[in-house]
Amino acid sequence: MLAEKLSDTDERSLTGAGVEVERFAGGLNAALRLLAVRGLLDILLEGGPTMAAALLAAGLVDRVALFVTPLLVGAAPRTCWPCPPLASLQDAPRLTHQRWQTAGQDMLLHADLEVA
């Protein structure tokens, strides 16, 4: 686990459970460089829309895996794709080399991300 901020108590708890913890500074670019040095070149992000938006804004995403489920959810507006507002559709990121896969009742889209 990479951590910029982590209490000593939490670190002891994690290492006691067998988790390797490495503290670092420098934000997302530094974190991904540390992972690359360790040979980890494909990273699965499950951090939610805030983390996804930060990685997208930093230009650090080159591939996506998106689940589509046959479920319509309520009236509250929610963002499923954390992109900044676009001046035009020409500025929208494009998904290329799409591949669909079934996952139970859901569909999983694998695609490369091409930023305009």
PDB file of N, CA and C in Angstrom:
ATOM      1  N   MET A   1       0.844  -1.163   0.000  1.00  0.00           N
ATOM      2  CA  MET A   1       0.000   0.000   0.000  1.00  0.00           C
ATOM      3  C   MET A   1       0.889   1.225   0.000  1.00  0.00           C
ATOM      4  N   LEU A   2       0.571   2.192  -0.863  1.00  0.00           N
ATOM      5  CA  LEU A   2       1.269   3.472  -0.879  1.00  0.00           C
ATOM      6  C   LEU A   2       0.455   4.471  -0.080  1.00  0.00           C
ATOM      7  N   ALA A   3       1.123   5.245   0.748  1.00  0.00           N
ATOM      8  CA  ALA A   3       0.390   6.192   1.586  1.00  0.00           C
ATOM      9  C   ALA A   3       1.169   7.491   1.734  1.00  0.00           C
ATOM     10  N   GLU A   4       0.491   8.599   1.427  1.00  0.00           N
ATOM     11  CA  GLU A   4       1.059   9.911   1.715  1.00  0.00           C
ATOM     12  C   GLU A   4       0.767  10.285   3.157  1.00  0.00           C
ATOM     13  N   LYS A   5      -0.416   9.926   3.620  1.00  0.00           N
ATOM     14  CA  LYS A   5      -0.836  10.249   4.982  1.00  0.00           C
ATOM     15  C   LYS A   5      -1.390   8.982   5.619  1.00  0.00           C
ATOM     16  N   LEU A   6      -0.790   8.590   6.721  1.00  0.00           N
ATOM     17  CA  LEU A   6      -1.226   7.382   7.410  1.00  0.00           C
ATOM     18  C   LEU A   6      -0.729   7.475   8.844  1.00  0.00           C
ATOM     19  N   SER A   7      -1.621   7.250   9.783  1.00  0.00           N
ATOM     20  CA  SER A   7      -1.198   7.309  11.185  1.00  0.00           C
ATOM     21  C   SER A   7      -0.299   6.118  11.500  1.00  0.00           C
ATOM     22  N   ASP A   8       0.555   6.288  12.493  1.00  0.00           N
ATOM     23  CA  ASP A   8       1.427   5.189  12.915  1.00  0.00           C
ATOM     24  C   ASP A   8       0.604   3.990  13.368  1.00  0.00           C
ATOM     25  N   THR A   9      -0.517   4.261  14.025  1.00  0.00           N
ATOM     26  CA  THR A   9      -1.390   3.182  14.495  1.00  0.00           C
ATOM     27  C   THR A   9      -1.944   2.382  13.319  1.00  0.00           C
ATOM     28  N   ASP A  10      -2.419   3.093  12.300  1.00  0.00           N
ATOM     29  CA  ASP A  10      -2.950   2.409  11.117  1.00  0.00           C
ATOM     30  C   ASP A  10      -1.853   1.632  10.400  1.00  0.00           C
ATOM     31  N   GLU A  11      -0.657   2.219  10.319  1.00  0.00           N
ATOM     32  CA  GLU A  11       0.446   1.516   9.659  1.00  0.00           C
ATOM     33  C   GLU A  11       0.784   0.224  10.404  1.00  0.00           C
ATOM     34  N   ARG A  12       0.862   0.286  11.730  1.00  0.00           N
ATOM     35  CA  ARG A  12       1.143  -0.930  12.516  1.00  0.00           C
ATOM     36  C   ARG A  12       0.057  -1.976  12.304  1.00  0.00           C
ATOM     37  N   SER A  13      -1.191  -1.538  12.270  1.00  0.00           N
ATOM     38  CA  SER A  13      -2.303  -2.463  12.056  1.00  0.00           C
ATOM     39  C   SER A  13      -2.199  -3.140  10.686  1.00  0.00           C
ATOM     40  N   LEU A  14      -1.890  -2.360   9.670  1.00  0.00           N
ATOM     41  CA  LEU A  14      -1.764  -2.912   8.320  1.00  0.00           C
ATOM     42  C   LEU A  14      -0.583  -3.862   8.193  1.00  0.00           C
ATOM     43  N   THR A  15       0.570  -3.433   8.683  1.00  0.00           N
ATOM     44  CA  THR A  15       1.748  -4.303   8.580  1.00  0.00           C
ATOM     45  C   THR A  15       1.555  -5.564   9.413  1.00  0.00           C
ATOM     46  N   GLY A  16       0.861  -5.447  10.539  1.00  0.00           N
ATOM     47  CA  GLY A  16       0.556  -6.619  11.358  1.00  0.00           C
ATOM     48  C   GLY A  16      -0.331  -7.610  10.633  1.00  0.00           C
ATOM     49  N   ALA A  17      -1.131  -7.112   9.684  1.00  0.00           N
ATOM     50  CA  ALA A  17      -2.010  -7.980   8.895  1.00  0.00           C
ATOM     51  C   ALA A  17      -1.318  -8.467   7.620  1.00  0.00           C
ATOM     52  N   GLY A  18      -0.018  -8.131   7.483  1.00  0.00           N
ATOM     53  CA  GLY A  18       0.731  -8.616   6.329  1.00  0.00           C
ATOM     54  C   GLY A  18       0.767  -7.687   5.135  1.00  0.00           C
ATOM     55  N   VAL A  19       0.280  -6.465   5.315  1.00  0.00           N
ATOM     56  CA  VAL A  19       0.285  -5.492   4.221  1.00  0.00           C
ATOM     57  C   VAL A  19       1.620  -4.772   4.187  1.00  0.00           C
ATOM     58  N   GLU A  20       2.219  -4.683   3.013  1.00  0.00           N
ATOM     59  CA  GLU A  20       3.442  -3.913   2.852  1.00  0.00           C
ATOM     60  C   GLU A  20       3.053  -2.450   2.657  1.00  0.00           C
ATOM     61  N   VAL A  21       3.565  -1.584   3.503  1.00  0.00           N
ATOM     62  CA  VAL A  21       3.231  -0.156   3.459  1.00  0.00           C
ATOM     63  C   VAL A  21       4.470   0.622   3.078  1.00  0.00           C
ATOM     64  N   GLU A  22       4.322   1.500   2.097  1.00  0.00           N
ATOM     65  CA  GLU A  22       5.413   2.393   1.720  1.00  0.00           C
ATOM     66  C   GLU A  22       4.895   3.816   1.727  1.00  0.00           C
ATOM     67  N   ARG A  23       5.538   4.651   2.522  1.00  0.00           N
ATOM     68  CA  ARG A  23       5.168   6.072   2.577  1.00  0.00           C
ATOM     69  C   ARG A  23       5.891   6.798   1.444  1.00  0.00           C
ATOM     70  N   PHE A  24       5.227   7.802   0.901  1.00  0.00           N
ATOM     71  CA  PHE A  24       5.823   8.575  -0.183  1.00  0.00           C
ATOM     72  C   PHE A  24       5.233   9.968  -0.173  1.00  0.00           C
ATOM     73  N   ALA A  25       5.824  10.846  -0.950  1.00  0.00           N
ATOM     74  CA  ALA A  25       5.295  12.198  -1.137  1.00  0.00           C
ATOM     75  C   ALA A  25       5.378  12.513  -2.618  1.00  0.00           C
ATOM     76  N   GLY A  26       4.537  13.397  -3.067  1.00  0.00           N
ATOM     77  CA  GLY A  26       4.648  13.814  -4.453  1.00  0.00           C
ATOM     78  C   GLY A  26       3.423  13.587  -5.300  1.00  0.00           C
ATOM     79  N   GLY A  27       2.343  13.111  -4.736  1.00  0.00           N
ATOM     80  CA  GLY A  27       1.096  12.990  -5.477  1.00  0.00           C
ATOM     81  C   GLY A  27       1.018  11.774  -6.381  1.00  0.00           C
ATOM     82  N   LEU A  28       0.056  11.845  -7.298  1.00  0.00           N
ATOM     83  CA  LEU A  28      -0.260  10.700  -8.152  1.00  0.00           C
ATOM     84  C   LEU A  28       0.891  10.278  -9.053  1.00  0.00           C
ATOM     85  N   ASN A  29       1.581  11.246  -9.661  1.00  0.00           N
ATOM     86  CA  ASN A  29       2.703  10.896 -10.534  1.00  0.00           C
ATOM     87  C   ASN A  29       3.763  10.120  -9.771  1.00  0.00           C
ATOM     88  N   ALA A  30       4.083  10.574  -8.578  1.00  0.00           N
ATOM     89  CA  ALA A  30       5.094   9.884  -7.761  1.00  0.00           C
ATOM     90  C   ALA A  30       4.626   8.481  -7.383  1.00  0.00           C
ATOM     91  N   ALA A  31       3.350   8.350  -7.048  1.00  0.00           N
ATOM     92  CA  ALA A  31       2.809   7.036  -6.674  1.00  0.00           C
ATOM     93  C   ALA A  31       2.909   6.060  -7.837  1.00  0.00           C
ATOM     94  N   LEU A  32       2.523   6.510  -9.022  1.00  0.00           N
ATOM     95  CA  LEU A  32       2.576   5.619 -10.176  1.00  0.00           C
ATOM     96  C   LEU A  32       4.010   5.294 -10.580  1.00  0.00           C
ATOM     97  N   ARG A  33       4.932   6.233 -10.404  1.00  0.00           N
ATOM     98  CA  ARG A  33       6.345   5.936 -10.674  1.00  0.00           C
ATOM     99  C   ARG A  33       6.860   4.861  -9.723  1.00  0.00           C
ATOM    100  N   LEU A  34       6.504   4.957  -8.434  1.00  0.00           N
ATOM    101  CA  LEU A  34       6.922   3.938  -7.467  1.00  0.00           C
ATOM    102  C   LEU A  34       6.389   2.560  -7.851  1.00  0.00           C
ATOM    103  N   LEU A  35       5.142   2.507  -8.271  1.00  0.00           N
ATOM    104  CA  LEU A  35       4.563   1.231  -8.688  1.00  0.00           C
ATOM    105  C   LEU A  35       5.250   0.694  -9.941  1.00  0.00           C
ATOM    106  N   ALA A  36       5.553   1.571 -10.899  1.00  0.00           N
ATOM    107  CA  ALA A  36       6.226   1.149 -12.125  1.00  0.00           C
ATOM    108  C   ALA A  36       7.615   0.583 -11.841  1.00  0.00           C
ATOM    109  N   VAL A  37       8.331   1.212 -10.911  1.00  0.00           N
ATOM    110  CA  VAL A  37       9.660   0.716 -10.532  1.00  0.00           C
ATOM    111  C   VAL A  37       9.562  -0.706  -9.996  1.00  0.00           C
ATOM    112  N   ARG A  38       8.451  -1.019  -9.355  1.00  0.00           N
ATOM    113  CA  ARG A  38       8.231  -2.370  -8.822  1.00  0.00           C
ATOM    114  C   ARG A  38       7.672  -3.325  -9.874  1.00  0.00           C
ATOM    115  N   GLY A  39       7.526  -2.844 -11.116  1.00  0.00           N
ATOM    116  CA  GLY A  39       7.021  -3.686 -12.192  1.00  0.00           C
ATOM    117  C   GLY A  39       5.510  -3.744 -12.287  1.00  0.00           C
ATOM    118  N   LEU A  40       4.828  -2.902 -11.525  1.00  0.00           N
ATOM    119  CA  LEU A  40       3.363  -2.866 -11.559  1.00  0.00           C
ATOM    120  C   LEU A  40       2.922  -1.817 -12.573  1.00  0.00           C
ATOM    121  N   LEU A  41       2.629  -2.267 -13.782  1.00  0.00           N
ATOM    122  CA  LEU A  41       2.331  -1.349 -14.875  1.00  0.00           C
ATOM    123  C   LEU A  41       0.844  -1.263 -15.194  1.00  0.00           C
ATOM    124  N   ASP A  42       0.059  -2.219 -14.743  1.00  0.00           N
ATOM    125  CA  ASP A  42      -1.393  -2.190 -14.910  1.00  0.00           C
ATOM    126  C   ASP A  42      -2.015  -2.057 -13.534  1.00  0.00           C
ATOM    127  N   ILE A  43      -2.716  -0.961 -13.312  1.00  0.00           N
ATOM    128  CA  ILE A  43      -3.271  -0.655 -11.995  1.00  0.00           C
ATOM    129  C   ILE A  43      -4.789  -0.618 -12.100  1.00  0.00           C
ATOM    130  N   LEU A  44      -5.464  -1.318 -11.214  1.00  0.00           N
ATOM    131  CA  LEU A  44      -6.918  -1.269 -11.133  1.00  0.00           C
ATOM    132  C   LEU A  44      -7.296  -0.228 -10.086  1.00  0.00           C
ATOM    133  N   LEU A  45      -8.017   0.798 -10.513  1.00  0.00           N
ATOM    134  CA  LEU A  45      -8.468   1.854  -9.615  1.00  0.00           C
ATOM    135  C   LEU A  45      -9.895   1.580  -9.203  1.00  0.00           C
ATOM    136  N   GLU A  46     -10.124   1.487  -7.921  1.00  0.00           N
ATOM    137  CA  GLU A  46     -11.477   1.369  -7.394  1.00  0.00           C
ATOM    138  C   GLU A  46     -11.666   2.444  -6.328  1.00  0.00           C
ATOM    139  N   GLY A  47     -11.187   3.644  -6.618  1.00  0.00           N
ATOM    140  CA  GLY A  47     -11.201   4.705  -5.638  1.00  0.00           C
ATOM    141  C   GLY A  47     -12.361   5.670  -5.741  1.00  0.00           C
ATOM    142  N   GLY A  48     -13.285   5.443  -6.660  1.00  0.00           N
ATOM    143  CA  GLY A  48     -14.425   6.328  -6.789  1.00  0.00           C
ATOM    144  C   GLY A  48     -14.177   7.482  -7.740  1.00  0.00           C
ATOM    145  N   PRO A  49     -15.191   8.331  -7.928  1.00  0.00           N
ATOM    146  CA  PRO A  49     -15.112   9.377  -8.937  1.00  0.00           C
ATOM    147  C   PRO A  49     -14.086  10.467  -8.638  1.00  0.00           C
ATOM    148  N   THR A  50     -13.790  10.748  -7.390  1.00  0.00           N
ATOM    149  CA  THR A  50     -12.806  11.794  -7.075  1.00  0.00           C
ATOM    150  C   THR A  50     -11.414  11.363  -7.509  1.00  0.00           C
ATOM    151  N   MET A  51     -11.032  10.135  -7.160  1.00  0.00           N
ATOM    152  CA  MET A  51      -9.724   9.624  -7.561  1.00  0.00           C
ATOM    153  C   MET A  51      -9.659   9.454  -9.079  1.00  0.00           C
ATOM    154  N   ALA A  52     -10.726   8.934  -9.677  1.00  0.00           N
ATOM    155  CA  ALA A  52     -10.750   8.762 -11.128  1.00  0.00           C
ATOM    156  C   ALA A  52     -10.594  10.109 -11.837  1.00  0.00           C
ATOM    157  N   ALA A  53     -11.281  11.137 -11.350  1.00  0.00           N
ATOM    158  CA  ALA A  53     -11.186  12.471 -11.952  1.00  0.00           C
ATOM    159  C   ALA A  53      -9.770  13.018 -11.842  1.00  0.00           C
ATOM    160  N   ALA A  54      -9.122  12.801 -10.706  1.00  0.00           N
ATOM    161  CA  ALA A  54      -7.755  13.289 -10.520  1.00  0.00           C
ATOM    162  C   ALA A  54      -6.795  12.598 -11.485  1.00  0.00           C
ATOM    163  N   LEU A  55      -6.938  11.292 -11.646  1.00  0.00           N
ATOM    164  CA  LEU A  55      -6.078  10.557 -12.579  1.00  0.00           C
ATOM    165  C   LEU A  55      -6.338  10.989 -14.019  1.00  0.00           C
ATOM    166  N   LEU A  56      -7.611  11.169 -14.371  1.00  0.00           N
ATOM    167  CA  LEU A  56      -7.938  11.636 -15.724  1.00  0.00           C
ATOM    168  C   LEU A  56      -7.372  13.026 -15.983  1.00  0.00           C
ATOM    169  N   ALA A  57      -7.558  13.931 -15.026  1.00  0.00           N
ATOM    170  CA  ALA A  57      -7.072  15.308 -15.183  1.00  0.00           C
ATOM    171  C   ALA A  57      -5.554  15.349 -15.316  1.00  0.00           C
ATOM    172  N   ALA A  58      -4.869  14.438 -14.659  1.00  0.00           N
ATOM    173  CA  ALA A  58      -3.404  14.389 -14.724  1.00  0.00           C
ATOM    174  C   ALA A  58      -2.903  13.660 -15.966  1.00  0.00           C
ATOM    175  N   GLY A  59      -3.818  13.130 -16.778  1.00  0.00           N
ATOM    176  CA  GLY A  59      -3.412  12.420 -17.986  1.00  0.00           C
ATOM    177  C   GLY A  59      -2.778  11.070 -17.694  1.00  0.00           C
ATOM    178  N   LEU A  60      -3.171  10.433 -16.600  1.00  0.00           N
ATOM    179  CA  LEU A  60      -2.544   9.188 -16.173  1.00  0.00           C
ATOM    180  C   LEU A  60      -3.376   7.939 -16.478  1.00  0.00           C
ATOM    181  N   VAL A  61      -4.447   8.102 -17.248  1.00  0.00           N
ATOM    182  CA  VAL A  61      -5.297   6.963 -17.598  1.00  0.00           C
ATOM    183  C   VAL A  61      -5.132   6.669 -19.081  1.00  0.00           C
ATOM    184  N   ASP A  62      -4.830   5.420 -19.407  1.00  0.00           N
ATOM    185  CA  ASP A  62      -4.733   5.055 -20.816  1.00  0.00           C
ATOM    186  C   ASP A  62      -5.681   3.919 -21.193  1.00  0.00           C
ATOM    187  N   ARG A  63      -6.328   3.333 -20.188  1.00  0.00           N
ATOM    188  CA  ARG A  63      -7.254   2.233 -20.443  1.00  0.00           C
ATOM    189  C   ARG A  63      -8.335   2.254 -19.381  1.00  0.00           C
ATOM    190  N   VAL A  64      -9.545   1.869 -19.758  1.00  0.00           N
ATOM    191  CA  VAL A  64     -10.643   1.848 -18.793  1.00  0.00           C
ATOM    192  C   VAL A  64     -11.367   0.508 -18.838  1.00  0.00           C
ATOM    193  N   ALA A  65     -11.985   0.176 -17.728  1.00  0.00           N
ATOM    194  CA  ALA A  65     -12.898  -0.962 -17.622  1.00  0.00           C
ATOM    195  C   ALA A  65     -14.139  -0.423 -16.919  1.00  0.00           C
ATOM    196  N   LEU A  66     -15.249  -0.395 -17.628  1.00  0.00           N
ATOM    197  CA  LEU A  66     -16.482   0.178 -17.098  1.00  0.00           C
ATOM    198  C   LEU A  66     -17.566  -0.885 -17.044  1.00  0.00           C
ATOM    199  N   PHE A  67     -18.219  -0.993 -15.898  1.00  0.00           N
ATOM    200  CA  PHE A  67     -19.346  -1.910 -15.771  1.00  0.00           C
ATOM    201  C   PHE A  67     -20.638  -1.191 -16.123  1.00  0.00           C
ATOM    202  N   VAL A  68     -21.484  -1.856 -16.875  1.00  0.00           N
ATOM    203  CA  VAL A  68     -22.819  -1.371 -17.194  1.00  0.00           C
ATOM    204  C   VAL A  68     -23.780  -2.411 -16.639  1.00  0.00           C
ATOM    205  N   THR A  69     -24.703  -1.960 -15.796  1.00  0.00           N
ATOM    206  CA  THR A  69     -25.634  -2.874 -15.154  1.00  0.00           C
ATOM    207  C   THR A  69     -27.064  -2.563 -15.579  1.00  0.00           C
ATOM    208  N   PRO A  70     -27.904  -3.565 -15.695  1.00  0.00           N
ATOM    209  CA  PRO A  70     -29.283  -3.313 -16.101  1.00  0.00           C
ATOM    210  C   PRO A  70     -30.136  -2.846 -14.921  1.00  0.00           C
ATOM    211  N   LEU A  71     -29.811  -1.658 -14.428  1.00  0.00           N
ATOM    212  CA  LEU A  71     -30.479  -1.122 -13.255  1.00  0.00           C
ATOM    213  C   LEU A  71     -30.618   0.389 -13.419  1.00  0.00           C
ATOM    214  N   LEU A  72     -31.825   0.895 -13.297  1.00  0.00           N
ATOM    215  CA  LEU A  72     -32.058   2.332 -13.342  1.00  0.00           C
ATOM    216  C   LEU A  72     -32.173   2.817 -11.913  1.00  0.00           C
ATOM    217  N   VAL A  73     -31.357   3.812 -11.564  1.00  0.00           N
ATOM    218  CA  VAL A  73     -31.254   4.235 -10.169  1.00  0.00           C
ATOM    219  C   VAL A  73     -31.809   5.637  -9.994  1.00  0.00           C
ATOM    220  N   GLY A  74     -32.815   5.789  -9.156  1.00  0.00           N
ATOM    221  CA  GLY A  74     -33.380   7.028  -8.637  1.00  0.00           C
ATOM    222  C   GLY A  74     -33.267   8.293  -9.447  1.00  0.00           C
ATOM    223  N   ALA A  75     -33.677   9.382  -8.823  1.00  0.00           N
ATOM    224  CA  ALA A  75     -33.738  10.678  -9.479  1.00  0.00           C
ATOM    225  C   ALA A  75     -32.535  11.565  -9.169  1.00  0.00           C
ATOM    226  N   ALA A  76     -31.741  11.218  -8.171  1.00  0.00           N
ATOM    227  CA  ALA A  76     -30.602  12.065  -7.804  1.00  0.00           C
ATOM    228  C   ALA A  76     -29.553  12.033  -8.912  1.00  0.00           C
ATOM    229  N   PRO A  77     -29.091  13.214  -9.355  1.00  0.00           N
ATOM    230  CA  PRO A  77     -28.075  13.223 -10.416  1.00  0.00           C
ATOM    231  C   PRO A  77     -26.751  12.653  -9.901  1.00  0.00           C
ATOM    232  N   ARG A  78     -26.186  11.764 -10.652  1.00  0.00           N
ATOM    233  CA  ARG A  78     -24.894  11.173 -10.313  1.00  0.00           C
ATOM    234  C   ARG A  78     -24.041  11.143 -11.565  1.00  0.00           C
ATOM    235  N   THR A  79     -22.765  11.310 -11.375  1.00  0.00           N
ATOM    236  CA  THR A  79     -21.836  11.241 -12.486  1.00  0.00           C
ATOM    237  C   THR A  79     -21.248   9.849 -12.550  1.00  0.00           C
ATOM    238  N   CYS A  80     -21.334   9.236 -13.705  1.00  0.00           N
ATOM    239  CA  CYS A  80     -20.722   7.923 -13.844  1.00  0.00           C
ATOM    240  C   CYS A  80     -19.344   8.050 -14.478  1.00  0.00           C
ATOM    241  N   TRP A  81     -19.059   9.199 -15.056  1.00  0.00           N
ATOM    242  CA  TRP A  81     -17.759   9.408 -15.691  1.00  0.00           C
ATOM    243  C   TRP A  81     -17.246  10.775 -15.258  1.00  0.00           C
ATOM    244  N   PRO A  82     -16.186  10.830 -14.478  1.00  0.00           N
ATOM    245  CA  PRO A  82     -15.747  12.079 -13.846  1.00  0.00           C
ATOM    246  C   PRO A  82     -14.919  12.977 -14.752  1.00  0.00           C
ATOM    247  N   CYS A  83     -15.486  13.423 -15.848  1.00  0.00           N
ATOM    248  CA  CYS A  83     -14.777  14.324 -16.761  1.00  0.00           C
ATOM    249  C   CYS A  83     -15.127  15.771 -16.438  1.00  0.00           C
ATOM    250  N   PRO A  84     -14.188  16.669 -16.702  1.00  0.00           N
ATOM    251  CA  PRO A  84     -14.519  18.090 -16.539  1.00  0.00           C
ATOM    252  C   PRO A  84     -15.522  18.504 -17.617  1.00  0.00           C
ATOM    253  N   PRO A  85     -16.216  19.619 -17.413  1.00  0.00           N
ATOM    254  CA  PRO A  85     -17.151  20.095 -18.437  1.00  0.00           C
ATOM    255  C   PRO A  85     -16.432  20.291 -19.770  1.00  0.00           C
ATOM    256  N   LEU A  86     -17.121  20.012 -20.856  1.00  0.00           N
ATOM    257  CA  LEU A  86     -16.537  20.101 -22.193  1.00  0.00           C
ATOM    258  C   LEU A  86     -17.068  21.319 -22.931  1.00  0.00           C
ATOM    259  N   ALA A  87     -16.187  21.973 -23.682  1.00  0.00           N
ATOM    260  CA  ALA A  87     -16.620  23.081 -24.530  1.00  0.00           C
ATOM    261  C   ALA A  87     -17.399  22.537 -25.722  1.00  0.00           C
ATOM    262  N   SER A  88     -16.995  21.367 -26.221  1.00  0.00           N
ATOM    263  CA  SER A  88     -17.704  20.725 -27.332  1.00  0.00           C
ATOM    264  C   SER A  88     -17.451  19.227 -27.272  1.00  0.00           C
ATOM    265  N   LEU A  89     -18.256  18.479 -27.988  1.00  0.00           N
ATOM    266  CA  LEU A  89     -18.086  17.020 -28.013  1.00  0.00           C
ATOM    267  C   LEU A  89     -16.753  16.607 -28.617  1.00  0.00           C
ATOM    268  N   GLN A  90     -16.163  17.465 -29.448  1.00  0.00           N
ATOM    269  CA  GLN A  90     -14.848  17.162 -30.018  1.00  0.00           C
ATOM    270  C   GLN A  90     -13.777  17.045 -28.938  1.00  0.00           C
ATOM    271  N   ASP A  91     -13.999  17.669 -27.784  1.00  0.00           N
ATOM    272  CA  ASP A  91     -13.038  17.618 -26.685  1.00  0.00           C
ATOM    273  C   ASP A  91     -13.213  16.391 -25.790  1.00  0.00           C
ATOM    274  N   ALA A  92     -14.247  15.613 -26.036  1.00  0.00           N
ATOM    275  CA  ALA A  92     -14.533  14.457 -25.180  1.00  0.00           C
ATOM    276  C   ALA A  92     -13.510  13.348 -25.384  1.00  0.00           C
ATOM    277  N   PRO A  93     -13.082  12.704 -24.301  1.00  0.00           N
ATOM    278  CA  PRO A  93     -12.214  11.530 -24.448  1.00  0.00           C
ATOM    279  C   PRO A  93     -12.938  10.452 -25.252  1.00  0.00           C
ATOM    280  N   ARG A  94     -12.207   9.756 -26.088  1.00  0.00           N
ATOM    281  CA  ARG A  94     -12.785   8.701 -26.930  1.00  0.00           C
ATOM    282  C   ARG A  94     -12.337   7.338 -26.421  1.00  0.00           C
ATOM    283  N   LEU A  95     -13.231   6.378 -26.465  1.00  0.00           N
ATOM    284  CA  LEU A  95     -12.888   5.002 -26.128  1.00  0.00           C
ATOM    285  C   LEU A  95     -12.642   4.251 -27.429  1.00  0.00           C
ATOM    286  N   THR A  96     -11.454   3.670 -27.556  1.00  0.00           N
ATOM    287  CA  THR A  96     -11.086   2.935 -28.759  1.00  0.00           C
ATOM    288  C   THR A  96     -10.777   1.486 -28.399  1.00  0.00           C
ATOM    289  N   HIS A  97     -10.725   0.655 -29.402  1.00  0.00           N
ATOM    290  CA  HIS A  97     -10.416  -0.778 -29.216  1.00  0.00           C
ATOM    291  C   HIS A  97     -11.318  -1.390 -28.148  1.00  0.00           C
ATOM    292  N   GLN A  98     -12.630  -1.150 -28.283  1.00  0.00           N
ATOM    293  CA  GLN A  98     -13.593  -1.620 -27.292  1.00  0.00           C
ATOM    294  C   GLN A  98     -13.753  -3.145 -27.357  1.00  0.00           C
ATOM    295  N   ARG A  99     -13.903  -3.725 -26.178  1.00  0.00           N
ATOM    296  CA  ARG A  99     -14.191  -5.156 -26.060  1.00  0.00           C
ATOM    297  C   ARG A  99     -15.201  -5.329 -24.938  1.00  0.00           C
ATOM    298  N   TRP A 100     -16.326  -5.968 -25.243  1.00  0.00           N
ATOM    299  CA  TRP A 100     -17.385  -6.197 -24.258  1.00  0.00           C
ATOM    300  C   TRP A 100     -17.298  -7.615 -23.727  1.00  0.00           C
ATOM    301  N   GLN A 101     -17.630  -7.756 -22.453  1.00  0.00           N
ATOM    302  CA  GLN A 101     -17.587  -9.060 -21.788  1.00  0.00           C
ATOM    303  C   GLN A 101     -18.771  -9.126 -20.830  1.00  0.00           C
ATOM    304  N   THR A 102     -19.426 -10.275 -20.754  1.00  0.00           N
ATOM    305  CA  THR A 102     -20.504 -10.414 -19.785  1.00  0.00           C
ATOM    306  C   THR A 102     -19.907 -10.747 -18.420  1.00  0.00           C
ATOM    307  N   ALA A 103     -20.552 -10.241 -17.391  1.00  0.00           N
ATOM    308  CA  ALA A 103     -20.147 -10.492 -16.007  1.00  0.00           C
ATOM    309  C   ALA A 103     -21.431 -10.661 -15.207  1.00  0.00           C
ATOM    310  N   GLY A 104     -21.960 -11.894 -15.185  1.00  0.00           N
ATOM    311  CA  GLY A 104     -23.270 -12.113 -14.575  1.00  0.00           C
ATOM    312  C   GLY A 104     -24.314 -11.407 -15.417  1.00  0.00           C
ATOM    313  N   GLN A 105     -25.138 -10.565 -14.799  1.00  0.00           N
ATOM    314  CA  GLN A 105     -26.123  -9.787 -15.552  1.00  0.00           C
ATOM    315  C   GLN A 105     -25.546  -8.478 -16.059  1.00  0.00           C
ATOM    316  N   ASP A 106     -24.346  -8.145 -15.663  1.00  0.00           N
ATOM    317  CA  ASP A 106     -23.710  -6.896 -16.069  1.00  0.00           C
ATOM    318  C   ASP A 106     -22.900  -7.096 -17.351  1.00  0.00           C
ATOM    319  N   MET A 107     -22.534  -5.979 -17.941  1.00  0.00           N
ATOM    320  CA  MET A 107     -21.613  -5.978 -19.078  1.00  0.00           C
ATOM    321  C   MET A 107     -20.377  -5.183 -18.664  1.00  0.00           C
ATOM    322  N   LEU A 108     -19.221  -5.666 -19.061  1.00  0.00           N
ATOM    323  CA  LEU A 108     -17.963  -4.998 -18.750  1.00  0.00           C
ATOM    324  C   LEU A 108     -17.341  -4.537 -20.055  1.00  0.00           C
ATOM    325  N   LEU A 109     -17.090  -3.249 -20.151  1.00  0.00           N
ATOM    326  CA  LEU A 109     -16.460  -2.663 -21.328  1.00  0.00           C
ATOM    327  C   LEU A 109     -14.988  -2.422 -21.024  1.00  0.00           C
ATOM    328  N   HIS A 110     -14.120  -3.015 -21.831  1.00  0.00           N
ATOM    329  CA  HIS A 110     -12.683  -2.745 -21.766  1.00  0.00           C
ATOM    330  C   HIS A 110     -12.372  -1.865 -22.976  1.00  0.00           C
ATOM    331  N   ALA A 111     -11.649  -0.772 -22.791  1.00  0.00           N
ATOM    332  CA  ALA A 111     -11.315   0.091 -23.914  1.00  0.00           C
ATOM    333  C   ALA A 111     -10.084   0.924 -23.605  1.00  0.00           C
ATOM    334  N   ASP A 112      -9.408   1.337 -24.665  1.00  0.00           N
ATOM    335  CA  ASP A 112      -8.297   2.279 -24.518  1.00  0.00           C
ATOM    336  C   ASP A 112      -8.886   3.685 -24.505  1.00  0.00           C
ATOM    337  N   LEU A 113      -8.227   4.586 -23.797  1.00  0.00           N
ATOM    338  CA  LEU A 113      -8.696   5.963 -23.681  1.00  0.00           C
ATOM    339  C   LEU A 113      -7.827   6.849 -24.563  1.00  0.00           C
ATOM    340  N   GLU A 114      -8.485   7.548 -25.459  1.00  0.00           N
ATOM    341  CA  GLU A 114      -7.799   8.494 -26.351  1.00  0.00           C
ATOM    342  C   GLU A 114      -8.307   9.882 -26.009  1.00  0.00           C
ATOM    343  N   VAL A 115      -7.439  10.736 -25.512  1.00  0.00           N
ATOM    344  CA  VAL A 115      -7.827  12.083 -25.115  1.00  0.00           C
ATOM    345  C   VAL A 115      -7.608  13.034 -26.267  1.00  0.00           C
ATOM    346  N   ALA A 116      -8.620  13.861 -26.555  1.00  0.00           N
ATOM    347  CA  ALA A 116      -8.544  14.817 -27.674  1.00  0.00           C
ATOM    348  C   ALA A 116      -7.471  15.857 -27.442  1.00  0.00           C
TER     349      ALA A 116
END
